[in-house]
Amino acid sequence: MILFVNACVRKDSRTERIAKALIETLGDKCEEVKLSELGLNPVLEGALEKRTKLAGKGLFSDPMFEPAKQFSRADTIVIAAPFWDLSFPAILKTYLENIYVIGLVSEYNSEGQPHGLCKAGKLYYVTTAGGQYLPDFSYDYIRLMAEKCFGINETELIKAEMLDVEGFDAEKLVKQKIEKIKNNSKAEAENE
């Protein structure tokens, strides 16, 4: 199962269009989580205490754990997040805070290092940028979380950039990226 973590908020999101083209090529059942519709809140003291207490006892039936359970059981994860203010939308960070549950997505070894418990073999990070894309505080953060905390060792960045710079045709660039995704999928199928 593909988990599509959709952090896009605009109705005609370029990032979402590219992500959906990717998902179409992956050819598996897909569950979409539209973060703007989840009603997530930052994990504040009360919620953190409740989560820690329940997780410490291995009691994961509370609805607060559903997003973490869904994330941990996905075979493939596709995150779609536009490049905002040199990072990604805050709702994605809030989602990551909510799913980072010890005992479901991660655990700590005897040296205090996180060890991932997620099933996914690969995480795709899809983004678009109005100007030049800088991965330092967006993809690199997600990649490190995937590898160090979730146990997902393979990640891939799919990006379209320079979409709002004068002289660049945004629609053409988005269509080219979608076509490249589709062509890569066809080439992989032919090589099997």
N, C-alpha and C. Protein backbone atom coordinates (compact mmCIF):
# COMPACT_ATOMS: atom_id res chain seq x y z
N MET A 1 0.83 -1.17 0.00
CA MET A 1 0.00 0.00 0.00
C MET A 1 0.88 1.25 0.00
N ILE A 2 0.51 2.21 -0.84
CA ILE A 2 1.19 3.51 -0.89
C ILE A 2 0.47 4.45 0.06
N LEU A 3 1.21 5.14 0.88
CA LEU A 3 0.65 6.20 1.71
C LEU A 3 1.04 7.52 1.07
N PHE A 4 0.04 8.29 0.67
CA PHE A 4 0.26 9.60 0.06
C PHE A 4 0.02 10.66 1.12
N VAL A 5 1.10 11.24 1.64
CA VAL A 5 1.04 12.30 2.64
C VAL A 5 1.02 13.62 1.88
N ASN A 6 -0.16 14.22 1.79
CA ASN A 6 -0.37 15.38 0.96
C ASN A 6 -0.36 16.65 1.81
N ALA A 7 0.75 17.40 1.75
CA ALA A 7 0.89 18.65 2.50
C ALA A 7 0.60 19.86 1.62
N CYS A 8 -0.04 19.65 0.48
CA CYS A 8 -0.38 20.74 -0.44
C CYS A 8 -1.69 21.38 0.01
N VAL A 9 -1.78 22.70 -0.13
CA VAL A 9 -2.99 23.38 0.33
C VAL A 9 -3.72 24.11 -0.80
N ARG A 10 -3.08 24.37 -1.90
CA ARG A 10 -3.73 25.06 -3.01
C ARG A 10 -4.57 24.08 -3.84
N LYS A 11 -5.66 24.60 -4.41
CA LYS A 11 -6.57 23.75 -5.18
C LYS A 11 -5.89 23.16 -6.41
N ASP A 12 -5.11 23.94 -7.12
CA ASP A 12 -4.42 23.44 -8.30
C ASP A 12 -2.91 23.39 -8.01
N SER A 13 -2.56 22.60 -7.03
CA SER A 13 -1.17 22.51 -6.59
C SER A 13 -0.31 21.80 -7.63
N ARG A 14 0.76 22.45 -8.01
CA ARG A 14 1.71 21.85 -8.95
C ARG A 14 2.40 20.65 -8.31
N THR A 15 2.71 20.77 -7.04
CA THR A 15 3.35 19.66 -6.31
C THR A 15 2.44 18.44 -6.30
N GLU A 16 1.18 18.67 -6.01
CA GLU A 16 0.21 17.57 -5.95
C GLU A 16 0.04 16.90 -7.32
N ARG A 17 0.03 17.68 -8.37
CA ARG A 17 -0.09 17.11 -9.72
C ARG A 17 1.08 16.17 -10.02
N ILE A 18 2.27 16.59 -9.67
CA ILE A 18 3.46 15.75 -9.91
C ILE A 18 3.39 14.50 -9.05
N ALA A 19 3.01 14.66 -7.79
CA ALA A 19 2.93 13.50 -6.88
C ALA A 19 1.90 12.49 -7.37
N LYS A 20 0.76 12.97 -7.84
CA LYS A 20 -0.27 12.04 -8.33
C LYS A 20 0.19 11.30 -9.59
N ALA A 21 0.98 11.97 -10.43
CA ALA A 21 1.54 11.29 -11.60
C ALA A 21 2.50 10.18 -11.16
N LEU A 22 3.29 10.47 -10.14
CA LEU A 22 4.20 9.45 -9.60
C LEU A 22 3.41 8.27 -9.05
N ILE A 23 2.40 8.54 -8.25
CA ILE A 23 1.60 7.48 -7.64
C ILE A 23 0.96 6.61 -8.70
N GLU A 24 0.50 7.23 -9.77
CA GLU A 24 -0.10 6.47 -10.88
C GLU A 24 0.90 5.47 -11.46
N THR A 25 2.17 5.85 -11.55
CA THR A 25 3.18 4.95 -12.11
C THR A 25 3.57 3.84 -11.14
N LEU A 26 3.38 4.07 -9.85
CA LEU A 26 3.76 3.06 -8.86
C LEU A 26 2.80 1.87 -8.86
N GLY A 27 1.57 2.10 -9.28
CA GLY A 27 0.62 1.02 -9.53
C GLY A 27 0.22 0.19 -8.35
N ASP A 28 0.05 0.75 -7.19
CA ASP A 28 -0.38 0.02 -6.01
C ASP A 28 -1.56 0.75 -5.39
N LYS A 29 -2.26 0.07 -4.51
CA LYS A 29 -3.35 0.71 -3.77
C LYS A 29 -2.78 1.91 -3.01
N CYS A 30 -3.54 3.00 -3.00
CA CYS A 30 -3.05 4.23 -2.37
C CYS A 30 -4.05 4.75 -1.35
N GLU A 31 -3.53 5.13 -0.20
CA GLU A 31 -4.32 5.82 0.83
C GLU A 31 -3.76 7.24 0.92
N GLU A 32 -4.64 8.22 0.76
CA GLU A 32 -4.20 9.61 0.83
C GLU A 32 -4.54 10.20 2.19
N VAL A 33 -3.58 10.92 2.75
CA VAL A 33 -3.78 11.69 3.96
C VAL A 33 -3.60 13.14 3.57
N LYS A 34 -4.69 13.87 3.48
CA LYS A 34 -4.65 15.30 3.15
C LYS A 34 -4.50 16.05 4.47
N LEU A 35 -3.28 16.51 4.74
CA LEU A 35 -2.95 17.07 6.04
C LEU A 35 -3.81 18.26 6.42
N SER A 36 -4.22 19.07 5.44
CA SER A 36 -5.04 20.25 5.74
C SER A 36 -6.43 19.88 6.25
N GLU A 37 -6.83 18.62 6.07
CA GLU A 37 -8.15 18.16 6.50
C GLU A 37 -8.11 17.31 7.77
N LEU A 38 -6.93 17.02 8.28
CA LEU A 38 -6.82 16.14 9.45
C LEU A 38 -7.15 16.81 10.78
N GLY A 39 -6.99 18.11 10.84
CA GLY A 39 -7.24 18.81 12.10
C GLY A 39 -6.17 18.53 13.15
N LEU A 40 -4.95 18.31 12.70
CA LEU A 40 -3.85 18.02 13.63
C LEU A 40 -3.42 19.27 14.39
N ASN A 41 -3.03 19.06 15.61
CA ASN A 41 -2.46 20.13 16.44
C ASN A 41 -1.03 19.76 16.80
N PRO A 42 -0.20 20.76 17.07
CA PRO A 42 1.14 20.44 17.58
C PRO A 42 1.02 19.59 18.84
N VAL A 43 2.00 18.75 19.08
CA VAL A 43 1.99 17.90 20.27
C VAL A 43 2.45 18.74 21.46
N LEU A 44 1.47 19.18 22.23
CA LEU A 44 1.75 20.00 23.40
C LEU A 44 1.75 19.13 24.66
N GLU A 45 2.00 19.73 25.80
CA GLU A 45 2.24 18.99 27.03
C GLU A 45 1.19 17.93 27.35
N GLY A 46 -0.09 18.28 27.33
CA GLY A 46 -1.12 17.30 27.68
C GLY A 46 -1.14 16.11 26.74
N ALA A 47 -1.10 16.38 25.44
CA ALA A 47 -1.10 15.30 24.45
C ALA A 47 0.17 14.47 24.54
N LEU A 48 1.29 15.13 24.80
CA LEU A 48 2.56 14.41 24.93
C LEU A 48 2.55 13.48 26.13
N GLU A 49 2.02 13.95 27.25
CA GLU A 49 1.93 13.10 28.45
C GLU A 49 1.04 11.89 28.21
N LYS A 50 -0.11 12.13 27.59
CA LYS A 50 -1.04 11.03 27.29
C LYS A 50 -0.38 10.02 26.35
N ARG A 51 0.23 10.53 25.27
CA ARG A 51 0.87 9.64 24.29
C ARG A 51 1.99 8.83 24.94
N THR A 52 2.83 9.49 25.73
CA THR A 52 3.95 8.80 26.37
C THR A 52 3.46 7.73 27.34
N LYS A 53 2.44 8.04 28.10
CA LYS A 53 1.88 7.08 29.07
C LYS A 53 1.31 5.85 28.37
N LEU A 54 0.48 6.09 27.35
CA LEU A 54 -0.13 4.97 26.63
C LEU A 54 0.91 4.15 25.86
N ALA A 55 1.81 4.83 25.17
CA ALA A 55 2.84 4.12 24.39
C ALA A 55 3.75 3.32 25.31
N GLY A 56 4.06 3.87 26.47
CA GLY A 56 4.91 3.16 27.44
C GLY A 56 4.30 1.85 27.89
N LYS A 57 2.98 1.78 27.87
CA LYS A 57 2.27 0.55 28.26
C LYS A 57 1.92 -0.31 27.04
N GLY A 58 2.30 0.17 25.85
CA GLY A 58 1.98 -0.58 24.62
C GLY A 58 0.50 -0.53 24.27
N LEU A 59 -0.20 0.50 24.73
CA LEU A 59 -1.63 0.65 24.46
C LEU A 59 -1.82 1.62 23.30
N PHE A 60 -2.05 1.07 22.12
CA PHE A 60 -2.13 1.89 20.92
C PHE A 60 -3.52 1.94 20.30
N SER A 61 -4.57 1.67 21.08
CA SER A 61 -5.93 1.67 20.54
C SER A 61 -6.55 3.06 20.47
N ASP A 62 -5.98 4.04 21.15
CA ASP A 62 -6.51 5.41 21.13
C ASP A 62 -6.42 5.95 19.70
N PRO A 63 -7.46 6.69 19.23
CA PRO A 63 -7.44 7.26 17.88
C PRO A 63 -6.22 8.15 17.59
N MET A 64 -5.59 8.70 18.61
CA MET A 64 -4.42 9.55 18.40
C MET A 64 -3.28 8.79 17.70
N PHE A 65 -3.31 7.45 17.78
CA PHE A 65 -2.24 6.63 17.20
C PHE A 65 -2.51 6.20 15.76
N GLU A 66 -3.70 6.46 15.24
CA GLU A 66 -4.05 6.00 13.89
C GLU A 66 -3.09 6.52 12.82
N PRO A 67 -2.74 7.82 12.79
CA PRO A 67 -1.80 8.26 11.75
C PRO A 67 -0.44 7.56 11.83
N ALA A 68 0.05 7.30 13.03
CA ALA A 68 1.34 6.61 13.19
C ALA A 68 1.23 5.15 12.72
N LYS A 69 0.13 4.49 13.04
CA LYS A 69 -0.05 3.10 12.60
C LYS A 69 -0.14 3.02 11.08
N GLN A 70 -0.87 3.96 10.48
CA GLN A 70 -0.99 3.99 9.03
C GLN A 70 0.39 4.21 8.38
N PHE A 71 1.16 5.14 8.91
CA PHE A 71 2.49 5.43 8.39
C PHE A 71 3.40 4.21 8.52
N SER A 72 3.36 3.55 9.65
CA SER A 72 4.28 2.43 9.91
C SER A 72 3.98 1.20 9.06
N ARG A 73 2.73 1.03 8.64
CA ARG A 73 2.39 -0.17 7.86
C ARG A 73 2.45 0.02 6.35
N ALA A 74 2.66 1.24 5.89
CA ALA A 74 2.72 1.51 4.44
C ALA A 74 3.94 0.84 3.81
N ASP A 75 3.77 0.35 2.58
CA ASP A 75 4.87 -0.26 1.84
C ASP A 75 5.76 0.80 1.18
N THR A 76 5.12 1.87 0.73
CA THR A 76 5.79 2.99 0.07
C THR A 76 5.15 4.27 0.58
N ILE A 77 5.96 5.31 0.75
CA ILE A 77 5.42 6.59 1.20
C ILE A 77 5.78 7.66 0.18
N VAL A 78 4.78 8.45 -0.19
CA VAL A 78 4.97 9.59 -1.07
C VAL A 78 4.54 10.83 -0.28
N ILE A 79 5.49 11.73 -0.05
CA ILE A 79 5.18 13.00 0.61
C ILE A 79 5.22 14.09 -0.45
N ALA A 80 4.13 14.85 -0.54
CA ALA A 80 4.05 15.98 -1.46
C ALA A 80 4.02 17.25 -0.62
N ALA A 81 5.05 18.08 -0.75
CA ALA A 81 5.14 19.30 0.06
C ALA A 81 5.81 20.40 -0.74
N PRO A 82 5.10 21.49 -1.00
CA PRO A 82 5.74 22.59 -1.72
C PRO A 82 6.84 23.21 -0.87
N PHE A 83 7.77 23.84 -1.55
CA PHE A 83 8.91 24.49 -0.91
C PHE A 83 8.46 25.87 -0.43
N TRP A 84 8.28 26.01 0.87
CA TRP A 84 7.81 27.26 1.47
C TRP A 84 8.85 27.79 2.43
N ASP A 85 9.21 29.03 2.27
CA ASP A 85 10.11 29.71 3.22
C ASP A 85 11.34 28.86 3.55
N LEU A 86 11.96 28.31 2.49
CA LEU A 86 13.16 27.46 2.59
C LEU A 86 12.93 26.17 3.34
N SER A 87 11.69 25.69 3.41
CA SER A 87 11.39 24.45 4.09
C SER A 87 10.12 23.86 3.46
N PHE A 88 9.22 23.40 4.31
CA PHE A 88 7.94 22.85 3.86
C PHE A 88 6.84 23.42 4.75
N PRO A 89 5.56 23.25 4.36
CA PRO A 89 4.48 23.79 5.17
C PRO A 89 4.51 23.24 6.60
N ALA A 90 4.17 24.09 7.56
CA ALA A 90 4.21 23.73 8.98
C ALA A 90 3.34 22.51 9.29
N ILE A 91 2.28 22.30 8.52
CA ILE A 91 1.40 21.17 8.76
C ILE A 91 2.14 19.84 8.61
N LEU A 92 3.17 19.81 7.78
CA LEU A 92 3.96 18.57 7.63
C LEU A 92 4.77 18.32 8.90
N LYS A 93 5.36 19.34 9.48
CA LYS A 93 6.10 19.17 10.74
C LYS A 93 5.15 18.72 11.84
N THR A 94 3.95 19.29 11.88
CA THR A 94 2.95 18.88 12.87
C THR A 94 2.58 17.41 12.68
N TYR A 95 2.43 16.98 11.44
CA TYR A 95 2.13 15.58 11.15
C TYR A 95 3.27 14.68 11.64
N LEU A 96 4.51 15.06 11.35
CA LEU A 96 5.66 14.26 11.78
C LEU A 96 5.72 14.16 13.30
N GLU A 97 5.41 15.26 14.00
CA GLU A 97 5.36 15.22 15.46
C GLU A 97 4.30 14.23 15.94
N ASN A 98 3.17 14.21 15.27
CA ASN A 98 2.07 13.35 15.68
C ASN A 98 2.32 11.87 15.38
N ILE A 99 3.06 11.58 14.34
CA ILE A 99 3.30 10.16 14.01
C ILE A 99 4.55 9.59 14.68
N TYR A 100 5.39 10.44 15.23
CA TYR A 100 6.63 9.93 15.83
C TYR A 100 6.31 9.33 17.21
N VAL A 101 5.83 8.09 17.16
CA VAL A 101 5.40 7.38 18.36
C VAL A 101 6.36 6.22 18.61
N ILE A 102 6.99 6.25 19.76
CA ILE A 102 7.89 5.16 20.15
C ILE A 102 7.04 3.90 20.34
N GLY A 103 7.47 2.84 19.68
CA GLY A 103 6.74 1.59 19.72
C GLY A 103 5.94 1.34 18.45
N LEU A 104 5.73 2.38 17.65
CA LEU A 104 5.01 2.22 16.39
C LEU A 104 5.89 2.53 15.19
N VAL A 105 6.53 3.69 15.17
CA VAL A 105 7.38 4.04 14.02
C VAL A 105 8.86 3.97 14.36
N SER A 106 9.18 3.95 15.63
CA SER A 106 10.58 3.96 16.05
C SER A 106 10.70 3.37 17.45
N GLU A 107 11.91 3.01 17.80
CA GLU A 107 12.26 2.60 19.16
C GLU A 107 13.71 3.00 19.39
N TYR A 108 14.15 2.96 20.61
CA TYR A 108 15.53 3.32 20.92
C TYR A 108 16.31 2.10 21.37
N ASN A 109 17.55 1.99 20.89
CA ASN A 109 18.40 0.87 21.31
C ASN A 109 19.04 1.19 22.66
N SER A 110 19.87 0.29 23.15
CA SER A 110 20.47 0.47 24.48
C SER A 110 21.41 1.66 24.56
N GLU A 111 21.89 2.16 23.43
CA GLU A 111 22.75 3.34 23.40
C GLU A 111 21.95 4.63 23.22
N GLY A 112 20.62 4.52 23.18
CA GLY A 112 19.77 5.69 23.02
C GLY A 112 19.61 6.16 21.59
N GLN A 113 20.02 5.35 20.63
CA GLN A 113 19.89 5.71 19.22
C GLN A 113 18.55 5.21 18.69
N PRO A 114 17.85 6.03 17.87
CA PRO A 114 16.58 5.57 17.31
C PRO A 114 16.79 4.47 16.28
N HIS A 115 15.84 3.58 16.24
CA HIS A 115 15.82 2.47 15.29
C HIS A 115 14.41 2.41 14.71
N GLY A 116 14.29 2.50 13.39
CA GLY A 116 12.98 2.56 12.75
C GLY A 116 12.24 1.25 12.73
N LEU A 117 10.91 1.36 12.82
CA LEU A 117 10.03 0.20 12.80
C LEU A 117 9.08 0.20 11.60
N CYS A 118 9.26 1.15 10.71
CA CYS A 118 8.34 1.27 9.57
C CYS A 118 8.61 0.19 8.52
N LYS A 119 7.55 -0.22 7.87
CA LYS A 119 7.60 -1.27 6.87
C LYS A 119 8.08 -0.77 5.49
N ALA A 120 7.89 0.51 5.22
CA ALA A 120 8.15 1.05 3.87
C ALA A 120 9.57 0.79 3.40
N GLY A 121 9.67 0.41 2.14
CA GLY A 121 10.97 0.20 1.53
C GLY A 121 11.52 1.47 0.90
N LYS A 122 10.61 2.41 0.59
CA LYS A 122 11.05 3.64 -0.06
C LYS A 122 10.11 4.79 0.28
N LEU A 123 10.72 5.98 0.38
CA LEU A 123 9.98 7.21 0.58
C LEU A 123 10.34 8.17 -0.55
N TYR A 124 9.33 8.69 -1.24
CA TYR A 124 9.51 9.70 -2.27
C TYR A 124 9.12 11.05 -1.67
N TYR A 125 9.93 12.06 -1.93
CA TYR A 125 9.62 13.41 -1.50
C TYR A 125 9.44 14.26 -2.74
N VAL A 126 8.23 14.74 -2.97
CA VAL A 126 7.90 15.51 -4.17
C VAL A 126 7.71 16.96 -3.76
N THR A 127 8.38 17.86 -4.47
CA THR A 127 8.28 19.27 -4.14
C THR A 127 8.39 20.13 -5.38
N THR A 128 7.89 21.35 -5.27
CA THR A 128 8.07 22.35 -6.31
C THR A 128 8.52 23.64 -5.65
N ALA A 129 9.27 24.43 -6.40
CA ALA A 129 9.78 25.70 -5.87
C ALA A 129 9.61 26.79 -6.90
N GLY A 130 9.26 27.97 -6.43
CA GLY A 130 9.12 29.12 -7.31
C GLY A 130 10.46 29.57 -7.88
N GLY A 131 11.51 29.41 -7.07
CA GLY A 131 12.86 29.75 -7.49
C GLY A 131 13.73 28.51 -7.46
N GLN A 132 14.98 28.70 -7.10
CA GLN A 132 15.90 27.57 -6.99
C GLN A 132 15.57 26.77 -5.73
N TYR A 133 15.55 25.46 -5.86
CA TYR A 133 15.24 24.59 -4.72
C TYR A 133 16.50 24.31 -3.92
N LEU A 134 16.40 24.49 -2.61
CA LEU A 134 17.50 24.19 -1.68
C LEU A 134 17.01 23.11 -0.71
N PRO A 135 17.60 21.93 -0.73
CA PRO A 135 17.07 20.81 0.04
C PRO A 135 17.41 20.81 1.53
N ASP A 136 18.26 21.70 1.99
CA ASP A 136 18.80 21.63 3.34
C ASP A 136 17.77 21.47 4.44
N PHE A 137 16.69 22.24 4.40
CA PHE A 137 15.73 22.23 5.50
C PHE A 137 14.40 21.60 5.13
N SER A 138 14.38 20.86 4.07
CA SER A 138 13.15 20.17 3.67
C SER A 138 13.48 18.71 3.35
N TYR A 139 13.91 18.43 2.14
CA TYR A 139 14.21 17.03 1.78
C TYR A 139 15.27 16.42 2.68
N ASP A 140 16.34 17.14 2.95
CA ASP A 140 17.41 16.57 3.79
C ASP A 140 16.88 16.20 5.17
N TYR A 141 16.00 17.02 5.71
CA TYR A 141 15.37 16.72 7.01
C TYR A 141 14.54 15.44 6.92
N ILE A 142 13.69 15.36 5.89
CA ILE A 142 12.84 14.17 5.71
C ILE A 142 13.70 12.93 5.47
N ARG A 143 14.74 13.07 4.64
CA ARG A 143 15.63 11.93 4.36
C ARG A 143 16.26 11.40 5.64
N LEU A 144 16.77 12.30 6.48
CA LEU A 144 17.39 11.87 7.73
C LEU A 144 16.38 11.25 8.68
N MET A 145 15.17 11.81 8.76
CA MET A 145 14.12 11.20 9.60
C MET A 145 13.83 9.79 9.10
N ALA A 146 13.69 9.64 7.77
CA ALA A 146 13.39 8.34 7.19
C ALA A 146 14.48 7.32 7.54
N GLU A 147 15.72 7.69 7.30
CA GLU A 147 16.83 6.77 7.51
C GLU A 147 17.13 6.51 8.98
N LYS A 148 17.20 7.55 9.77
CA LYS A 148 17.65 7.42 11.17
C LYS A 148 16.54 7.06 12.14
N CYS A 149 15.31 7.47 11.85
CA CYS A 149 14.24 7.30 12.82
C CYS A 149 13.13 6.34 12.38
N PHE A 150 12.84 6.28 11.08
CA PHE A 150 11.74 5.45 10.62
C PHE A 150 12.19 4.10 10.07
N GLY A 151 13.48 3.95 9.75
CA GLY A 151 13.98 2.70 9.19
C GLY A 151 13.72 2.57 7.69
N ILE A 152 13.53 3.68 7.01
CA ILE A 152 13.31 3.69 5.56
C ILE A 152 14.61 4.16 4.92
N ASN A 153 15.36 3.23 4.37
CA ASN A 153 16.71 3.53 3.90
C ASN A 153 16.78 4.10 2.50
N GLU A 154 15.73 3.95 1.72
CA GLU A 154 15.77 4.47 0.36
C GLU A 154 14.80 5.65 0.24
N THR A 155 15.33 6.79 -0.15
CA THR A 155 14.51 7.98 -0.38
C THR A 155 14.86 8.55 -1.75
N GLU A 156 13.91 9.26 -2.32
CA GLU A 156 14.15 9.90 -3.61
C GLU A 156 13.49 11.27 -3.63
N LEU A 157 14.23 12.25 -4.08
CA LEU A 157 13.73 13.61 -4.25
C LEU A 157 13.26 13.79 -5.68
N ILE A 158 12.03 14.25 -5.84
CA ILE A 158 11.49 14.60 -7.15
C ILE A 158 11.08 16.06 -7.05
N LYS A 159 11.70 16.91 -7.87
CA LYS A 159 11.47 18.34 -7.73
C LYS A 159 11.30 19.01 -9.09
N ALA A 160 10.54 20.10 -9.05
CA ALA A 160 10.44 21.01 -10.19
C ALA A 160 10.69 22.39 -9.59
N GLU A 161 11.61 23.12 -10.20
CA GLU A 161 11.99 24.41 -9.63
C GLU A 161 11.96 25.52 -10.68
N MET A 162 12.13 26.75 -10.22
CA MET A 162 12.15 27.95 -11.05
C MET A 162 10.77 28.23 -11.66
N LEU A 163 9.72 27.80 -10.97
CA LEU A 163 8.38 27.88 -11.53
C LEU A 163 7.78 29.29 -11.50
N ASP A 164 8.30 30.16 -10.69
CA ASP A 164 7.76 31.52 -10.60
C ASP A 164 8.77 32.58 -11.04
N VAL A 165 9.82 32.16 -11.71
CA VAL A 165 10.85 33.08 -12.17
C VAL A 165 10.50 33.55 -13.58
N GLU A 166 10.57 34.86 -13.79
CA GLU A 166 10.26 35.42 -15.10
C GLU A 166 11.15 34.79 -16.16
N GLY A 167 10.53 34.41 -17.25
CA GLY A 167 11.27 33.78 -18.34
C GLY A 167 11.16 32.26 -18.33
N PHE A 168 10.66 31.69 -17.26
CA PHE A 168 10.47 30.24 -17.17
C PHE A 168 8.97 29.95 -17.31
N ASP A 169 8.64 28.92 -18.04
CA ASP A 169 7.25 28.53 -18.27
C ASP A 169 6.89 27.45 -17.25
N ALA A 170 6.19 27.84 -16.18
CA ALA A 170 5.87 26.93 -15.08
C ALA A 170 5.09 25.71 -15.56
N GLU A 171 4.07 25.94 -16.36
CA GLU A 171 3.24 24.82 -16.82
C GLU A 171 4.07 23.84 -17.65
N LYS A 172 4.92 24.36 -18.49
CA LYS A 172 5.78 23.50 -19.32
C LYS A 172 6.73 22.68 -18.43
N LEU A 173 7.31 23.31 -17.41
CA LEU A 173 8.23 22.61 -16.51
C LEU A 173 7.52 21.50 -15.73
N VAL A 174 6.30 21.78 -15.27
CA VAL A 174 5.53 20.76 -14.54
C VAL A 174 5.20 19.60 -15.46
N LYS A 175 4.74 19.90 -16.68
CA LYS A 175 4.41 18.84 -17.64
C LYS A 175 5.65 18.02 -18.00
N GLN A 176 6.80 18.67 -18.14
CA GLN A 176 8.04 17.94 -18.43
C GLN A 176 8.39 16.99 -17.28
N LYS A 177 8.22 17.43 -16.05
CA LYS A 177 8.52 16.57 -14.89
C LYS A 177 7.58 15.37 -14.87
N ILE A 178 6.31 15.61 -15.13
CA ILE A 178 5.33 14.51 -15.15
C ILE A 178 5.67 13.53 -16.27
N GLU A 179 6.03 14.04 -17.42
CA GLU A 179 6.40 13.17 -18.55
C GLU A 179 7.65 12.35 -18.22
N LYS A 180 8.61 12.98 -17.56
CA LYS A 180 9.83 12.27 -17.17
C LYS A 180 9.50 11.13 -16.20
N ILE A 181 8.62 11.38 -15.26
CA ILE A 181 8.21 10.33 -14.31
C ILE A 181 7.58 9.17 -15.06
N LYS A 182 6.68 9.48 -15.98
CA LYS A 182 6.00 8.42 -16.75
C LYS A 182 6.99 7.65 -17.62
N ASN A 183 7.92 8.36 -18.26
CA ASN A 183 8.92 7.69 -19.11
C ASN A 183 9.86 6.82 -18.29
N ASN A 184 10.27 7.28 -17.13
CA ASN A 184 11.12 6.47 -16.27
C ASN A 184 10.42 5.20 -15.83
N SER A 185 9.13 5.30 -15.56
CA SER A 185 8.36 4.13 -15.17
C SER A 185 8.28 3.13 -16.31
N LYS A 186 8.04 3.63 -17.53
CA LYS A 186 7.99 2.75 -18.71
C LYS A 186 9.34 2.07 -18.94
N ALA A 187 10.42 2.82 -18.80
CA ALA A 187 11.76 2.26 -19.01
C ALA A 187 12.05 1.18 -17.98
N GLU A 188 11.66 1.40 -16.73
CA GLU A 188 11.88 0.39 -15.69
C GLU A 188 11.10 -0.87 -15.99
N ALA A 189 9.86 -0.72 -16.46
CA ALA A 189 9.02 -1.88 -16.79
C ALA A 189 9.63 -2.67 -17.95
N GLU A 190 10.18 -1.99 -18.92
CA GLU A 190 10.79 -2.67 -20.06
C GLU A 190 12.07 -3.39 -19.69
N ASN A 191 12.77 -2.92 -18.67
CA ASN A 191 14.03 -3.55 -18.25
C ASN A 191 13.81 -4.76 -17.33
N GLU A 192 12.60 -4.98 -16.91
CA GLU A 192 12.33 -6.12 -16.01
C GLU A 192 12.26 -7.42 -16.75
